[in-house]
Amino acid sequence: PARANTQKGRKGVTKGDLVALGQVCDMALNDKTLFVANDGGLLTYNDISCASDPKNCEAKWDETLYGDVLNDVEVAKQQDGSTVVYVAGGKGVFKSTNNGESWEDMNAGSIGVVNSLTVGSDGKVTAGSDSGVFSYNGTTWDTVGLASETVHSVAVDGSGTVYAGTPNGLKIKRSGDAEFKTIPVGGEGVPV
């Protein structure tokens, strides 16, 4: 059978071919499905257990997200037991409720290039972008802070405290805080 060419610049399905991924930015697993976010889009392996015999592995470039630099992919288990897959990159944030078969655009209101996502146990999505930190309210993105900073990584703990990794250090914003504060670096032998 003919095989689709999936080298950079092409999309399709391949079985046993070498796929040129370029820079892999992030990966996430949903059971046996591996999602690979990279500088060419999203590559999905529907059954990663085939990795022991790559000739039988099938990989697919996602046509909706093809050609976008994707920086992050997250798999979030919902309280009702369902799973949502989120991807983020140069075109914003997208989500899938059917394991990557289709994608919903979550970009109501531009938040810039998204570098990092996190999904809380309550399902709340928080994004770190080149325009600060944002949280998704179900319809649009609300500004959390750091609008003048690039945020490379973001994390939120169970109490709602937001941590942001920026070129200017680690920032923190606790529930009720008006602004982010810098977390000082310290310790033995480390200048403050």
C-alpha atoms as a PDB file:
ATOM      1  CA  PRO A   1       0.000   0.000   0.000  1.00  0.00           C
ATOM      2  CA  ALA A   2       1.076   3.576  -0.649  1.00  0.00           C
ATOM      3  CA  ARG A   3       2.236   5.513   2.374  1.00  0.00           C
ATOM      4  CA  ALA A   4       1.538   9.171   3.014  1.00  0.00           C
ATOM      5  CA  ASN A   5       4.577  11.406   3.241  1.00  0.00           C
ATOM      6  CA  THR A   6       4.640  12.972   6.687  1.00  0.00           C
ATOM      7  CA  GLN A   7       7.943  14.776   6.517  1.00  0.00           C
ATOM      8  CA  LYS A   8       7.881  18.415   7.589  1.00  0.00           C
ATOM      9  CA  GLY A   9       5.725  20.338   5.151  1.00  0.00           C
ATOM     10  CA  ARG A  10       3.413  17.397   4.496  1.00  0.00           C
ATOM     11  CA  LYS A  11       0.607  15.827   6.441  1.00  0.00           C
ATOM     12  CA  GLY A  12      -0.971  12.412   6.393  1.00  0.00           C
ATOM     13  CA  VAL A  13      -0.920   9.076   8.097  1.00  0.00           C
ATOM     14  CA  THR A  14       2.111   6.866   8.180  1.00  0.00           C
ATOM     15  CA  LYS A  15       2.769   3.348   9.343  1.00  0.00           C
ATOM     16  CA  GLY A  16       6.358   2.343   9.889  1.00  0.00           C
ATOM     17  CA  ASP A  17       7.852   5.461   8.265  1.00  0.00           C
ATOM     18  CA  LEU A  18      10.211   7.823  10.023  1.00  0.00           C
ATOM     19  CA  VAL A  19       8.361  11.021  10.852  1.00  0.00           C
ATOM     20  CA  ALA A  20      10.364  14.257  10.994  1.00  0.00           C
ATOM     21  CA  LEU A  21       9.150  15.917  14.175  1.00  0.00           C
ATOM     22  CA  GLY A  22      11.426  18.901  14.391  1.00  0.00           C
ATOM     23  CA  GLN A  23      11.538  20.300  17.898  1.00  0.00           C
ATOM     24  CA  VAL A  24       9.353  18.377  20.351  1.00  0.00           C
ATOM     25  CA  CYS A  25       7.971  20.904  22.842  1.00  0.00           C
ATOM     26  CA  ASP A  26       5.700  18.729  24.990  1.00  0.00           C
ATOM     27  CA  MET A  27       3.954  15.355  25.164  1.00  0.00           C
ATOM     28  CA  ALA A  28       0.941  13.951  26.993  1.00  0.00           C
ATOM     29  CA  LEU A  29      -0.679  10.529  27.257  1.00  0.00           C
ATOM     30  CA  ASN A  30      -4.356   9.643  27.348  1.00  0.00           C
ATOM     31  CA  ASP A  31      -4.425   5.912  28.000  1.00  0.00           C
ATOM     32  CA  LYS A  32      -2.565   4.529  24.938  1.00  0.00           C
ATOM     33  CA  THR A  33      -2.805   7.719  22.849  1.00  0.00           C
ATOM     34  CA  LEU A  34       0.341   9.855  22.768  1.00  0.00           C
ATOM     35  CA  PHE A  35      -0.005  13.515  21.768  1.00  0.00           C
ATOM     36  CA  VAL A  36       3.243  15.182  20.625  1.00  0.00           C
ATOM     37  CA  ALA A  37       3.272  19.000  20.442  1.00  0.00           C
ATOM     38  CA  ASN A  38       6.056  20.265  18.204  1.00  0.00           C
ATOM     39  CA  ASP A  39       7.122  23.035  15.860  1.00  0.00           C
ATOM     40  CA  GLY A  40       5.023  21.598  13.016  1.00  0.00           C
ATOM     41  CA  GLY A  41       1.745  20.978  14.802  1.00  0.00           C
ATOM     42  CA  LEU A  42       0.330  18.004  16.672  1.00  0.00           C
ATOM     43  CA  LEU A  43       1.335  14.429  15.940  1.00  0.00           C
ATOM     44  CA  THR A  44      -0.865  11.721  17.449  1.00  0.00           C
ATOM     45  CA  TYR A  45      -0.028   8.061  17.997  1.00  0.00           C
ATOM     46  CA  ASN A  46      -3.361   6.332  18.642  1.00  0.00           C
ATOM     47  CA  ASP A  47      -1.746   3.252  20.193  1.00  0.00           C
ATOM     48  CA  ILE A  48       1.705   3.965  21.609  1.00  0.00           C
ATOM     49  CA  SER A  49       2.090   0.352  22.745  1.00  0.00           C
ATOM     50  CA  CYS A  50       3.357  -0.198  19.196  1.00  0.00           C
ATOM     51  CA  ALA A  51       6.618   1.578  20.126  1.00  0.00           C
ATOM     52  CA  SER A  52       8.328  -1.776  20.664  1.00  0.00           C
ATOM     53  CA  ASP A  53       7.747  -2.476  16.938  1.00  0.00           C
ATOM     54  CA  PRO A  54       7.848   0.884  15.116  1.00  0.00           C
ATOM     55  CA  LYS A  55       6.978  -0.718  11.762  1.00  0.00           C
ATOM     56  CA  ASN A  56       3.467  -1.172  13.107  1.00  0.00           C
ATOM     57  CA  CYS A  57       3.106   2.291  14.641  1.00  0.00           C
ATOM     58  CA  GLU A  58       0.623   4.656  13.092  1.00  0.00           C
ATOM     59  CA  ALA A  59       1.051   8.399  13.498  1.00  0.00           C
ATOM     60  CA  LYS A  60      -1.207  11.184  12.255  1.00  0.00           C
ATOM     61  CA  TRP A  61      -0.624  14.918  11.844  1.00  0.00           C
ATOM     62  CA  ASP A  62      -3.703  16.801  12.998  1.00  0.00           C
ATOM     63  CA  GLU A  63      -5.072  18.826  10.073  1.00  0.00           C
ATOM     64  CA  THR A  64      -6.654  21.553  12.245  1.00  0.00           C
ATOM     65  CA  LEU A  65      -3.414  22.281  14.096  1.00  0.00           C
ATOM     66  CA  TYR A  66      -0.980  21.471  11.288  1.00  0.00           C
ATOM     67  CA  GLY A  67       1.703  24.092  10.678  1.00  0.00           C
ATOM     68  CA  ASP A  68       1.322  25.787  14.072  1.00  0.00           C
ATOM     69  CA  VAL A  69       4.123  25.792  16.625  1.00  0.00           C
ATOM     70  CA  LEU A  70       2.590  24.028  19.623  1.00  0.00           C
ATOM     71  CA  ASN A  71       4.255  24.616  22.975  1.00  0.00           C
ATOM     72  CA  ASP A  72       2.081  22.603  25.347  1.00  0.00           C
ATOM     73  CA  VAL A  73      -0.375  19.707  25.421  1.00  0.00           C
ATOM     74  CA  GLU A  74      -2.375  18.712  28.507  1.00  0.00           C
ATOM     75  CA  VAL A  75      -4.738  15.819  29.184  1.00  0.00           C
ATOM     76  CA  ALA A  76      -7.265  16.590  31.908  1.00  0.00           C
ATOM     77  CA  LYS A  77      -9.599  14.088  33.534  1.00  0.00           C
ATOM     78  CA  GLN A  78     -12.913  15.747  34.336  1.00  0.00           C
ATOM     79  CA  GLN A  79     -14.993  15.173  37.460  1.00  0.00           C
ATOM     80  CA  ASP A  80     -17.552  13.226  35.400  1.00  0.00           C
ATOM     81  CA  GLY A  81     -14.812  10.804  34.239  1.00  0.00           C
ATOM     82  CA  SER A  82     -14.472  12.219  30.726  1.00  0.00           C
ATOM     83  CA  THR A  83     -11.183  13.476  29.310  1.00  0.00           C
ATOM     84  CA  VAL A  84     -10.350  16.798  27.657  1.00  0.00           C
ATOM     85  CA  VAL A  85      -7.151  17.347  25.659  1.00  0.00           C
ATOM     86  CA  TYR A  86      -5.817  20.907  25.414  1.00  0.00           C
ATOM     87  CA  VAL A  87      -3.089  22.221  23.080  1.00  0.00           C
ATOM     88  CA  ALA A  88      -1.510  25.676  23.068  1.00  0.00           C
ATOM     89  CA  GLY A  89       0.821  27.558  20.798  1.00  0.00           C
ATOM     90  CA  GLY A  90       1.116  30.322  18.248  1.00  0.00           C
ATOM     91  CA  LYS A  91      -2.586  30.284  17.371  1.00  0.00           C
ATOM     92  CA  GLY A  92      -3.797  30.202  20.979  1.00  0.00           C
ATOM     93  CA  VAL A  93      -5.598  27.385  22.797  1.00  0.00           C
ATOM     94  CA  PHE A  94      -7.705  24.522  21.435  1.00  0.00           C
ATOM     95  CA  LYS A  95      -9.525  21.707  23.222  1.00  0.00           C
ATOM     96  CA  SER A  96     -10.820  18.290  22.229  1.00  0.00           C
ATOM     97  CA  THR A  97     -13.427  16.242  24.063  1.00  0.00           C
ATOM     98  CA  ASN A  98     -13.059  13.257  21.695  1.00  0.00           C
ATOM     99  CA  ASN A  99      -9.368  12.354  22.061  1.00  0.00           C
ATOM    100  CA  GLY A 100      -8.169  14.635  19.274  1.00  0.00           C
ATOM    101  CA  GLU A 101     -10.711  13.719  16.579  1.00  0.00           C
ATOM    102  CA  SER A 102     -11.873  17.354  16.442  1.00  0.00           C
ATOM    103  CA  TRP A 103     -10.806  20.607  18.095  1.00  0.00           C
ATOM    104  CA  GLU A 104     -12.694  23.577  19.530  1.00  0.00           C
ATOM    105  CA  ASP A 105     -11.084  27.006  19.248  1.00  0.00           C
ATOM    106  CA  MET A 106     -10.921  28.624  22.717  1.00  0.00           C
ATOM    107  CA  ASN A 107      -9.527  31.930  21.443  1.00  0.00           C
ATOM    108  CA  ALA A 108     -12.362  34.346  22.193  1.00  0.00           C
ATOM    109  CA  GLY A 109     -10.203  37.413  22.750  1.00  0.00           C
ATOM    110  CA  SER A 110      -6.571  37.115  21.793  1.00  0.00           C
ATOM    111  CA  ILE A 111      -4.100  36.227  24.509  1.00  0.00           C
ATOM    112  CA  GLY A 112      -1.073  36.035  22.207  1.00  0.00           C
ATOM    113  CA  VAL A 113       1.292  33.118  21.727  1.00  0.00           C
ATOM    114  CA  VAL A 114       0.556  30.606  24.497  1.00  0.00           C
ATOM    115  CA  ASN A 115       3.665  29.008  25.995  1.00  0.00           C
ATOM    116  CA  SER A 116       2.180  26.978  28.830  1.00  0.00           C
ATOM    117  CA  LEU A 117      -1.127  25.642  30.136  1.00  0.00           C
ATOM    118  CA  THR A 118      -2.281  24.084  33.336  1.00  0.00           C
ATOM    119  CA  VAL A 119      -5.652  22.574  34.182  1.00  0.00           C
ATOM    120  CA  GLY A 120      -6.775  22.531  37.793  1.00  0.00           C
ATOM    121  CA  SER A 121      -8.646  19.686  39.451  1.00  0.00           C
ATOM    122  CA  ASP A 122     -11.759  21.866  39.068  1.00  0.00           C
ATOM    123  CA  GLY A 123     -11.216  21.958  35.279  1.00  0.00           C
ATOM    124  CA  LYS A 124     -10.143  25.619  35.239  1.00  0.00           C
ATOM    125  CA  VAL A 125      -7.639  26.336  32.451  1.00  0.00           C
ATOM    126  CA  THR A 126      -4.839  28.841  33.096  1.00  0.00           C
ATOM    127  CA  ALA A 127      -2.454  29.949  30.343  1.00  0.00           C
ATOM    128  CA  GLY A 128       0.949  31.621  30.325  1.00  0.00           C
ATOM    129  CA  SER A 129       1.549  33.629  27.149  1.00  0.00           C
ATOM    130  CA  ASP A 130       3.716  36.330  25.643  1.00  0.00           C
ATOM    131  CA  SER A 131       1.082  38.724  27.020  1.00  0.00           C
ATOM    132  CA  GLY A 132       0.883  37.526  30.645  1.00  0.00           C
ATOM    133  CA  VAL A 133      -1.266  35.035  32.563  1.00  0.00           C
ATOM    134  CA  PHE A 134      -4.916  34.355  31.708  1.00  0.00           C
ATOM    135  CA  SER A 135      -7.681  32.073  32.990  1.00  0.00           C
ATOM    136  CA  TYR A 136     -10.556  30.740  30.901  1.00  0.00           C
ATOM    137  CA  ASN A 137     -14.028  31.468  32.277  1.00  0.00           C
ATOM    138  CA  GLY A 138     -15.860  29.148  29.879  1.00  0.00           C
ATOM    139  CA  THR A 139     -16.421  31.813  27.240  1.00  0.00           C
ATOM    140  CA  THR A 140     -13.438  34.181  27.152  1.00  0.00           C
ATOM    141  CA  TRP A 141     -10.030  34.668  28.764  1.00  0.00           C
ATOM    142  CA  ASP A 142      -9.708  36.822  31.894  1.00  0.00           C
ATOM    143  CA  THR A 143      -6.435  38.587  32.658  1.00  0.00           C
ATOM    144  CA  VAL A 144      -4.767  37.260  35.815  1.00  0.00           C
ATOM    145  CA  GLY A 145      -1.722  39.525  35.579  1.00  0.00           C
ATOM    146  CA  LEU A 146       1.782  40.160  34.216  1.00  0.00           C
ATOM    147  CA  ALA A 147       0.375  41.776  31.047  1.00  0.00           C
ATOM    148  CA  SER A 148       3.762  43.294  30.175  1.00  0.00           C
ATOM    149  CA  GLU A 149       5.741  40.050  30.627  1.00  0.00           C
ATOM    150  CA  THR A 150       6.310  36.891  28.676  1.00  0.00           C
ATOM    151  CA  VAL A 151       5.289  33.882  30.758  1.00  0.00           C
ATOM    152  CA  HIS A 152       7.119  30.681  29.817  1.00  0.00           C
ATOM    153  CA  SER A 153       5.467  28.373  32.345  1.00  0.00           C
ATOM    154  CA  VAL A 154       2.499  28.479  34.674  1.00  0.00           C
ATOM    155  CA  ALA A 155       1.221  26.365  37.576  1.00  0.00           C
ATOM    156  CA  VAL A 156      -1.761  26.675  39.921  1.00  0.00           C
ATOM    157  CA  ASP A 157      -2.051  24.899  43.264  1.00  0.00           C
ATOM    158  CA  GLY A 158      -5.196  23.637  44.993  1.00  0.00           C
ATOM    159  CA  SER A 159      -5.715  26.916  46.861  1.00  0.00           C
ATOM    160  CA  GLY A 160      -5.708  28.929  43.615  1.00  0.00           C
ATOM    161  CA  THR A 161      -2.199  30.337  43.992  1.00  0.00           C
ATOM    162  CA  VAL A 162      -0.731  31.011  40.550  1.00  0.00           C
ATOM    163  CA  TYR A 163       2.999  30.576  39.853  1.00  0.00           C
ATOM    164  CA  ALA A 164       4.517  32.050  36.698  1.00  0.00           C
ATOM    165  CA  GLY A 165       7.980  31.470  35.242  1.00  0.00           C
ATOM    166  CA  THR A 166       9.187  34.573  33.401  1.00  0.00           C
ATOM    167  CA  PRO A 167      12.484  35.870  31.979  1.00  0.00           C
ATOM    168  CA  ASN A 168      12.592  37.994  35.161  1.00  0.00           C
ATOM    169  CA  GLY A 169      12.259  35.115  37.591  1.00  0.00           C
ATOM    170  CA  LEU A 170       9.521  33.219  39.388  1.00  0.00           C
ATOM    171  CA  LYS A 171       6.356  35.151  40.229  1.00  0.00           C
ATOM    172  CA  ILE A 172       3.508  34.273  42.605  1.00  0.00           C
ATOM    173  CA  LYS A 173      -0.056  35.529  43.005  1.00  0.00           C
ATOM    174  CA  ARG A 174      -2.109  34.181  45.891  1.00  0.00           C
ATOM    175  CA  SER A 175      -5.912  34.307  45.968  1.00  0.00           C
ATOM    176  CA  GLY A 176      -6.845  37.833  46.976  1.00  0.00           C
ATOM    177  CA  ASP A 177      -3.540  39.399  45.847  1.00  0.00           C
ATOM    178  CA  ALA A 178      -3.902  42.338  43.488  1.00  0.00           C
ATOM    179  CA  GLU A 179      -0.604  41.655  41.684  1.00  0.00           C
ATOM    180  CA  PHE A 180       2.080  39.055  41.184  1.00  0.00           C
ATOM    181  CA  LYS A 181       5.132  39.256  43.441  1.00  0.00           C
ATOM    182  CA  THR A 182       8.641  38.007  42.724  1.00  0.00           C
ATOM    183  CA  ILE A 183       9.703  34.966  44.710  1.00  0.00           C
ATOM    184  CA  PRO A 184      13.237  35.701  45.892  1.00  0.00           C
ATOM    185  CA  VAL A 185      15.932  33.168  45.113  1.00  0.00           C
ATOM    186  CA  GLY A 186      17.959  32.270  48.169  1.00  0.00           C
ATOM    187  CA  GLY A 187      19.681  29.568  50.058  1.00  0.00           C
ATOM    188  CA  GLU A 188      23.215  28.657  50.925  1.00  0.00           C
ATOM    189  CA  GLY A 189      25.608  29.955  48.281  1.00  0.00           C
ATOM    190  CA  VAL A 190      22.814  31.492  46.209  1.00  0.00           C
ATOM    191  CA  PRO A 191      22.753  35.290  45.982  1.00  0.00           C
ATOM    192  CA  VAL A 192      19.469  37.021  46.788  1.00  0.00           C
END
